[in-house]
């Protein structure tokens, strides 16, 4: 009996086995092994890939960086070798605590193991289709969250500041404000007026936000 096709395994509903861990959906690795066997696999296992330089399954960058709290950290990764019958591959990824990277002061053997089991589940999903929809949902959520976070960081007055710095830089190069306006196809007065729009938009945003039904 051969392992079911990618299309067939992607249709397997794994939602009833999903749990929440560290604010993320978690599919138990042992259940994935069982589901693969139930769908035709004869041999399924995974094992951590050992870093030959250190003898550990933890990989880390040589360069350190310091966060806003003055805590020194590195970038940590790990990898697992996954075997499903004749299929054999390596799945690598960062050591995470939910959606956050694990730092020096919070690294534990348990978190490393949790990451390795998650890499197994993800690697299986990518290569076989089993549980792939779970990861697709997570990736789409991450993209949406990142977009919303970036949007909140775009302060309108930061844009105004960049524009003012750009104009000032051109003027230091000997290009007058009048010349800048002419090159833009507008009058000098119109150019100055553009910088008042930032305050207008800021007030408009606040008024809309305060609006009641």
C-alpha atoms as a PDB file:
ATOM      1  CA  UNK A   1       0.000   0.000   0.000  1.00  0.00           C
ATOM      2  CA  UNK A   2       1.516   3.319  -1.135  1.00  0.00           C
ATOM      3  CA  UNK A   3       1.196   6.670   0.575  1.00  0.00           C
ATOM      4  CA  UNK A   4      -1.861   8.607  -0.570  1.00  0.00           C
ATOM      5  CA  UNK A   5      -1.337  11.408  -3.070  1.00  0.00           C
ATOM      6  CA  UNK A   6      -0.748  15.053  -2.159  1.00  0.00           C
ATOM      7  CA  UNK A   7      -4.303  15.942  -3.223  1.00  0.00           C
ATOM      8  CA  UNK A   8      -5.788  13.167  -1.075  1.00  0.00           C
ATOM      9  CA  UNK A   9      -3.721  13.999   2.015  1.00  0.00           C
ATOM     10  CA  UNK A  10      -4.546  17.685   1.745  1.00  0.00           C
ATOM     11  CA  UNK A  11      -8.223  16.786   2.054  1.00  0.00           C
ATOM     12  CA  UNK A  12      -7.665  14.995   5.383  1.00  0.00           C
ATOM     13  CA  UNK A  13      -9.333  17.096   8.085  1.00  0.00           C
ATOM     14  CA  UNK A  14      -6.821  17.642  10.896  1.00  0.00           C
ATOM     15  CA  UNK A  15      -8.757  20.441  12.627  1.00  0.00           C
ATOM     16  CA  UNK A  16     -10.104  18.155  15.364  1.00  0.00           C
ATOM     17  CA  UNK A  17      -6.513  17.407  16.451  1.00  0.00           C
ATOM     18  CA  UNK A  18      -5.352  21.023  16.580  1.00  0.00           C
ATOM     19  CA  UNK A  19      -4.532  22.579  19.963  1.00  0.00           C
ATOM     20  CA  UNK A  20      -3.442  26.046  21.029  1.00  0.00           C
ATOM     21  CA  UNK A  21       0.110  26.437  22.308  1.00  0.00           C
ATOM     22  CA  UNK A  22       1.932  29.758  22.817  1.00  0.00           C
ATOM     23  CA  UNK A  23      -0.926  31.524  20.981  1.00  0.00           C
ATOM     24  CA  UNK A  24      -0.398  29.400  17.881  1.00  0.00           C
ATOM     25  CA  UNK A  25      -2.195  26.402  16.372  1.00  0.00           C
ATOM     26  CA  UNK A  26      -0.352  23.203  17.166  1.00  0.00           C
ATOM     27  CA  UNK A  27      -0.791  19.793  15.551  1.00  0.00           C
ATOM     28  CA  UNK A  28       0.796  17.022  17.613  1.00  0.00           C
ATOM     29  CA  UNK A  29       3.654  15.304  15.785  1.00  0.00           C
ATOM     30  CA  UNK A  30       2.580  11.847  16.986  1.00  0.00           C
ATOM     31  CA  UNK A  31      -0.880  12.345  15.444  1.00  0.00           C
ATOM     32  CA  UNK A  32       0.806  13.272  12.143  1.00  0.00           C
ATOM     33  CA  UNK A  33       2.795  10.028  12.252  1.00  0.00           C
ATOM     34  CA  UNK A  34      -0.413   8.092  12.922  1.00  0.00           C
ATOM     35  CA  UNK A  35      -2.304   9.827  10.102  1.00  0.00           C
ATOM     36  CA  UNK A  36       0.500   9.120   7.642  1.00  0.00           C
ATOM     37  CA  UNK A  37       0.459   5.432   8.569  1.00  0.00           C
ATOM     38  CA  UNK A  38      -3.338   5.410   8.267  1.00  0.00           C
ATOM     39  CA  UNK A  39      -2.954   6.784   4.751  1.00  0.00           C
ATOM     40  CA  UNK A  40      -0.495   4.266   3.395  1.00  0.00           C
ATOM     41  CA  UNK A  41       2.945   5.117   4.821  1.00  0.00           C
ATOM     42  CA  UNK A  42       5.026   2.168   6.039  1.00  0.00           C
ATOM     43  CA  UNK A  43       7.935   4.089   7.563  1.00  0.00           C
ATOM     44  CA  UNK A  44       7.683   7.507   9.231  1.00  0.00           C
ATOM     45  CA  UNK A  45      10.169   9.174  11.560  1.00  0.00           C
ATOM     46  CA  UNK A  46      12.217  12.307  12.106  1.00  0.00           C
ATOM     47  CA  UNK A  47      15.418  13.105  13.971  1.00  0.00           C
ATOM     48  CA  UNK A  48      17.277  16.321  14.826  1.00  0.00           C
ATOM     49  CA  UNK A  49      20.131  17.278  12.522  1.00  0.00           C
ATOM     50  CA  UNK A  50      23.338  17.632  14.546  1.00  0.00           C
ATOM     51  CA  UNK A  51      25.517  20.686  14.078  1.00  0.00           C
ATOM     52  CA  UNK A  52      28.888  19.046  13.372  1.00  0.00           C
ATOM     53  CA  UNK A  53      30.778  22.077  14.643  1.00  0.00           C
ATOM     54  CA  UNK A  54      29.167  22.074  18.092  1.00  0.00           C
ATOM     55  CA  UNK A  55      27.716  18.574  18.466  1.00  0.00           C
ATOM     56  CA  UNK A  56      24.318  20.124  19.260  1.00  0.00           C
ATOM     57  CA  UNK A  57      21.113  20.285  17.237  1.00  0.00           C
ATOM     58  CA  UNK A  58      21.026  24.043  17.851  1.00  0.00           C
ATOM     59  CA  UNK A  59      22.458  26.332  15.180  1.00  0.00           C
ATOM     60  CA  UNK A  60      23.274  29.966  15.984  1.00  0.00           C
ATOM     61  CA  UNK A  61      24.810  32.997  14.344  1.00  0.00           C
ATOM     62  CA  UNK A  62      28.244  34.166  15.447  1.00  0.00           C
ATOM     63  CA  UNK A  63      27.075  37.768  15.436  1.00  0.00           C
ATOM     64  CA  UNK A  64      25.053  38.980  18.408  1.00  0.00           C
ATOM     65  CA  UNK A  65      22.555  41.818  18.559  1.00  0.00           C
ATOM     66  CA  UNK A  66      21.056  43.792  21.420  1.00  0.00           C
ATOM     67  CA  UNK A  67      17.324  44.437  21.747  1.00  0.00           C
ATOM     68  CA  UNK A  68      15.657  47.605  23.052  1.00  0.00           C
ATOM     69  CA  UNK A  69      15.924  46.305  26.639  1.00  0.00           C
ATOM     70  CA  UNK A  70      19.672  45.851  26.379  1.00  0.00           C
ATOM     71  CA  UNK A  71      19.437  42.053  26.243  1.00  0.00           C
ATOM     72  CA  UNK A  72      22.026  40.418  23.990  1.00  0.00           C
ATOM     73  CA  UNK A  73      20.750  37.713  21.614  1.00  0.00           C
ATOM     74  CA  UNK A  74      21.639  35.599  18.627  1.00  0.00           C
ATOM     75  CA  UNK A  75      19.604  34.152  15.771  1.00  0.00           C
ATOM     76  CA  UNK A  76      18.852  30.519  16.639  1.00  0.00           C
ATOM     77  CA  UNK A  77      17.840  27.811  14.170  1.00  0.00           C
ATOM     78  CA  UNK A  78      17.424  24.071  14.175  1.00  0.00           C
ATOM     79  CA  UNK A  79      16.711  21.370  11.597  1.00  0.00           C
ATOM     80  CA  UNK A  80      15.227  17.887  11.391  1.00  0.00           C
ATOM     81  CA  UNK A  81      15.663  15.039   8.946  1.00  0.00           C
ATOM     82  CA  UNK A  82      12.285  13.617   7.936  1.00  0.00           C
ATOM     83  CA  UNK A  83      11.831  10.154   6.462  1.00  0.00           C
ATOM     84  CA  UNK A  84       8.547   8.938   4.943  1.00  0.00           C
ATOM     85  CA  UNK A  85       9.130   5.623   3.149  1.00  0.00           C
ATOM     86  CA  UNK A  86      11.460   6.514   0.225  1.00  0.00           C
ATOM     87  CA  UNK A  87      11.056  10.259   0.783  1.00  0.00           C
ATOM     88  CA  UNK A  88      13.856  11.847   2.818  1.00  0.00           C
ATOM     89  CA  UNK A  89      14.486  15.559   3.329  1.00  0.00           C
ATOM     90  CA  UNK A  90      15.699  18.248   5.743  1.00  0.00           C
ATOM     91  CA  UNK A  91      13.376  20.884   7.216  1.00  0.00           C
ATOM     92  CA  UNK A  92      15.087  23.891   8.796  1.00  0.00           C
ATOM     93  CA  UNK A  93      13.643  26.834  10.695  1.00  0.00           C
ATOM     94  CA  UNK A  94      14.110  29.411  13.477  1.00  0.00           C
ATOM     95  CA  UNK A  95      13.610  28.430  17.117  1.00  0.00           C
ATOM     96  CA  UNK A  96      10.347  30.137  18.046  1.00  0.00           C
ATOM     97  CA  UNK A  97       8.174  30.635  21.105  1.00  0.00           C
ATOM     98  CA  UNK A  98       4.797  30.859  19.402  1.00  0.00           C
ATOM     99  CA  UNK A  99       5.223  33.734  16.941  1.00  0.00           C
ATOM    100  CA  UNK A 100       8.259  35.178  18.784  1.00  0.00           C
ATOM    101  CA  UNK A 101      11.895  34.138  18.356  1.00  0.00           C
ATOM    102  CA  UNK A 102      13.457  32.499  21.400  1.00  0.00           C
ATOM    103  CA  UNK A 103      16.156  34.650  23.011  1.00  0.00           C
ATOM    104  CA  UNK A 104      19.285  33.860  25.011  1.00  0.00           C
ATOM    105  CA  UNK A 105      17.555  34.225  28.360  1.00  0.00           C
ATOM    106  CA  UNK A 106      14.608  31.994  27.445  1.00  0.00           C
ATOM    107  CA  UNK A 107      16.260  29.164  25.486  1.00  0.00           C
ATOM    108  CA  UNK A 108      15.482  25.718  26.911  1.00  0.00           C
ATOM    109  CA  UNK A 109      15.798  22.158  25.677  1.00  0.00           C
ATOM    110  CA  UNK A 110      11.998  21.879  25.721  1.00  0.00           C
ATOM    111  CA  UNK A 111      11.584  24.888  23.412  1.00  0.00           C
ATOM    112  CA  UNK A 112      14.175  23.444  21.054  1.00  0.00           C
ATOM    113  CA  UNK A 113      12.301  20.133  20.997  1.00  0.00           C
ATOM    114  CA  UNK A 114       8.962  21.906  20.455  1.00  0.00           C
ATOM    115  CA  UNK A 115      10.458  23.675  17.461  1.00  0.00           C
ATOM    116  CA  UNK A 116      11.812  20.425  16.022  1.00  0.00           C
ATOM    117  CA  UNK A 117       8.425  18.692  16.287  1.00  0.00           C
ATOM    118  CA  UNK A 118       6.781  21.717  14.666  1.00  0.00           C
ATOM    119  CA  UNK A 119       9.314  21.589  11.837  1.00  0.00           C
ATOM    120  CA  UNK A 120       8.417  17.926  11.327  1.00  0.00           C
ATOM    121  CA  UNK A 121       4.711  18.773  11.083  1.00  0.00           C
ATOM    122  CA  UNK A 122       5.432  21.667   8.708  1.00  0.00           C
ATOM    123  CA  UNK A 123       7.808  19.638   6.557  1.00  0.00           C
ATOM    124  CA  UNK A 124       5.203  16.878   6.229  1.00  0.00           C
ATOM    125  CA  UNK A 125       2.567  19.439   5.228  1.00  0.00           C
ATOM    126  CA  UNK A 126       4.776  20.976   2.540  1.00  0.00           C
ATOM    127  CA  UNK A 127       5.916  17.670   1.024  1.00  0.00           C
ATOM    128  CA  UNK A 128       2.800  15.511   1.399  1.00  0.00           C
ATOM    129  CA  UNK A 129      -0.148  17.904   1.783  1.00  0.00           C
ATOM    130  CA  UNK A 130      -1.207  16.520   5.189  1.00  0.00           C
ATOM    131  CA  UNK A 131      -2.189  19.500   7.336  1.00  0.00           C
ATOM    132  CA  UNK A 132      -1.171  21.985   4.643  1.00  0.00           C
ATOM    133  CA  UNK A 133      -4.372  24.033   4.999  1.00  0.00           C
ATOM    134  CA  UNK A 134      -3.507  24.639   8.644  1.00  0.00           C
ATOM    135  CA  UNK A 135      -0.192  26.223   7.646  1.00  0.00           C
ATOM    136  CA  UNK A 136      -1.806  28.140   4.788  1.00  0.00           C
ATOM    137  CA  UNK A 137      -4.227  29.702   7.266  1.00  0.00           C
ATOM    138  CA  UNK A 138      -1.356  30.602   9.605  1.00  0.00           C
ATOM    139  CA  UNK A 139       0.728  32.193   6.835  1.00  0.00           C
ATOM    140  CA  UNK A 140      -2.215  34.279   5.640  1.00  0.00           C
ATOM    141  CA  UNK A 141      -2.871  35.453   9.213  1.00  0.00           C
ATOM    142  CA  UNK A 142       0.806  36.385   9.676  1.00  0.00           C
ATOM    143  CA  UNK A 143       0.779  38.391   6.448  1.00  0.00           C
ATOM    144  CA  UNK A 144      -2.358  40.258   7.538  1.00  0.00           C
ATOM    145  CA  UNK A 145      -0.957  40.958  11.027  1.00  0.00           C
ATOM    146  CA  UNK A 146       2.351  42.199   9.584  1.00  0.00           C
ATOM    147  CA  UNK A 147       0.547  44.473   7.130  1.00  0.00           C
ATOM    148  CA  UNK A 148      -1.622  45.964   9.872  1.00  0.00           C
ATOM    149  CA  UNK A 149       1.404  46.445  12.131  1.00  0.00           C
ATOM    150  CA  UNK A 150       3.356  48.198   9.354  1.00  0.00           C
ATOM    151  CA  UNK A 151       0.378  50.428   8.610  1.00  0.00           C
ATOM    152  CA  UNK A 152       0.243  51.591  12.241  1.00  0.00           C
ATOM    153  CA  UNK A 153       3.923  52.497  12.118  1.00  0.00           C
ATOM    154  CA  UNK A 154       3.457  54.894   9.193  1.00  0.00           C
ATOM    155  CA  UNK A 155       3.015  58.158  11.069  1.00  0.00           C
ATOM    156  CA  UNK A 156       1.931  60.849   8.624  1.00  0.00           C
ATOM    157  CA  UNK A 157       4.272  63.393  10.188  1.00  0.00           C
ATOM    158  CA  UNK A 158       7.208  61.050   9.561  1.00  0.00           C
ATOM    159  CA  UNK A 159       6.359  61.281   5.876  1.00  0.00           C
ATOM    160  CA  UNK A 160       6.202  65.065   6.184  1.00  0.00           C
ATOM    161  CA  UNK A 161       9.613  65.033   7.891  1.00  0.00           C
ATOM    162  CA  UNK A 162      11.136  62.928   5.102  1.00  0.00           C
ATOM    163  CA  UNK A 163       9.751  65.309   2.490  1.00  0.00           C
ATOM    164  CA  UNK A 164      11.146  68.329   4.311  1.00  0.00           C
ATOM    165  CA  UNK A 165      14.549  66.680   4.626  1.00  0.00           C
ATOM    166  CA  UNK A 166      14.512  65.820   0.919  1.00  0.00           C
ATOM    167  CA  UNK A 167      13.683  69.393  -0.090  1.00  0.00           C
ATOM    168  CA  UNK A 168      16.321  70.753   2.300  1.00  0.00           C
ATOM    169  CA  UNK A 169      18.902  68.401   0.817  1.00  0.00           C
ATOM    170  CA  UNK A 170      18.151  69.649  -2.701  1.00  0.00           C
ATOM    171  CA  UNK A 171      18.405  73.257  -1.555  1.00  0.00           C
ATOM    172  CA  UNK A 172      21.822  72.557   0.020  1.00  0.00           C
ATOM    173  CA  UNK A 173      22.879  71.277  -3.391  1.00  0.00           C
ATOM    174  CA  UNK A 174      22.081  74.720  -4.784  1.00  0.00           C
ATOM    175  CA  UNK A 175      18.596  73.975  -6.141  1.00  0.00           C
ATOM    176  CA  UNK A 176      16.225  76.725  -5.049  1.00  0.00           C
ATOM    177  CA  UNK A 177      12.674  76.106  -3.872  1.00  0.00           C
ATOM    178  CA  UNK A 178      11.467  77.910  -6.975  1.00  0.00           C
ATOM    179  CA  UNK A 179      13.534  75.617  -9.210  1.00  0.00           C
ATOM    180  CA  UNK A 180      12.183  72.536  -7.431  1.00  0.00           C
ATOM    181  CA  UNK A 181       8.629  73.766  -8.016  1.00  0.00           C
ATOM    182  CA  UNK A 182       9.292  74.483 -11.695  1.00  0.00           C
ATOM    183  CA  UNK A 183      10.725  70.965 -12.182  1.00  0.00           C
ATOM    184  CA  UNK A 184       7.575  69.540 -10.574  1.00  0.00           C
ATOM    185  CA  UNK A 185       5.362  71.617 -12.864  1.00  0.00           C
ATOM    186  CA  UNK A 186       3.803  73.603  -9.999  1.00  0.00           C
ATOM    187  CA  UNK A 187       4.211  77.029  -8.437  1.00  0.00           C
ATOM    188  CA  UNK A 188       6.379  77.669  -5.387  1.00  0.00           C
ATOM    189  CA  UNK A 189       3.237  78.526  -3.420  1.00  0.00           C
ATOM    190  CA  UNK A 190       1.601  75.236  -4.387  1.00  0.00           C
ATOM    191  CA  UNK A 191       4.679  73.339  -3.229  1.00  0.00           C
ATOM    192  CA  UNK A 192       4.529  75.056   0.171  1.00  0.00           C
ATOM    193  CA  UNK A 193       0.823  74.277   0.435  1.00  0.00           C
ATOM    194  CA  UNK A 194       1.473  70.553   0.002  1.00  0.00           C
ATOM    195  CA  UNK A 195       3.171  70.511   3.398  1.00  0.00           C
ATOM    196  CA  UNK A 196       0.002  71.818   5.078  1.00  0.00           C
ATOM    197  CA  UNK A 197      -1.950  68.774   3.858  1.00  0.00           C
ATOM    198  CA  UNK A 198      -0.291  66.536   6.454  1.00  0.00           C
ATOM    199  CA  UNK A 199      -1.922  68.433   9.322  1.00  0.00           C
ATOM    200  CA  UNK A 200      -5.236  68.462   7.470  1.00  0.00           C
ATOM    201  CA  UNK A 201      -5.129  64.675   6.963  1.00  0.00           C
ATOM    202  CA  UNK A 202      -4.125  64.139  10.604  1.00  0.00           C
ATOM    203  CA  UNK A 203      -7.119  66.158  11.824  1.00  0.00           C
ATOM    204  CA  UNK A 204      -9.386  64.343   9.364  1.00  0.00           C
ATOM    205  CA  UNK A 205      -8.226  60.925  10.598  1.00  0.00           C
ATOM    206  CA  UNK A 206      -8.888  61.911  14.218  1.00  0.00           C
ATOM    207  CA  UNK A 207     -12.340  63.285  13.428  1.00  0.00           C
ATOM    208  CA  UNK A 208     -13.332  60.116  11.547  1.00  0.00           C
ATOM    209  CA  UNK A 209     -12.002  57.986  14.414  1.00  0.00           C
ATOM    210  CA  UNK A 210     -14.068  59.936  16.948  1.00  0.00           C
ATOM    211  CA  UNK A 211     -17.223  59.755  14.844  1.00  0.00           C
ATOM    212  CA  UNK A 212     -20.250  58.177  16.508  1.00  0.00           C
ATOM    213  CA  UNK A 213     -23.254  56.544  14.886  1.00  0.00           C
END
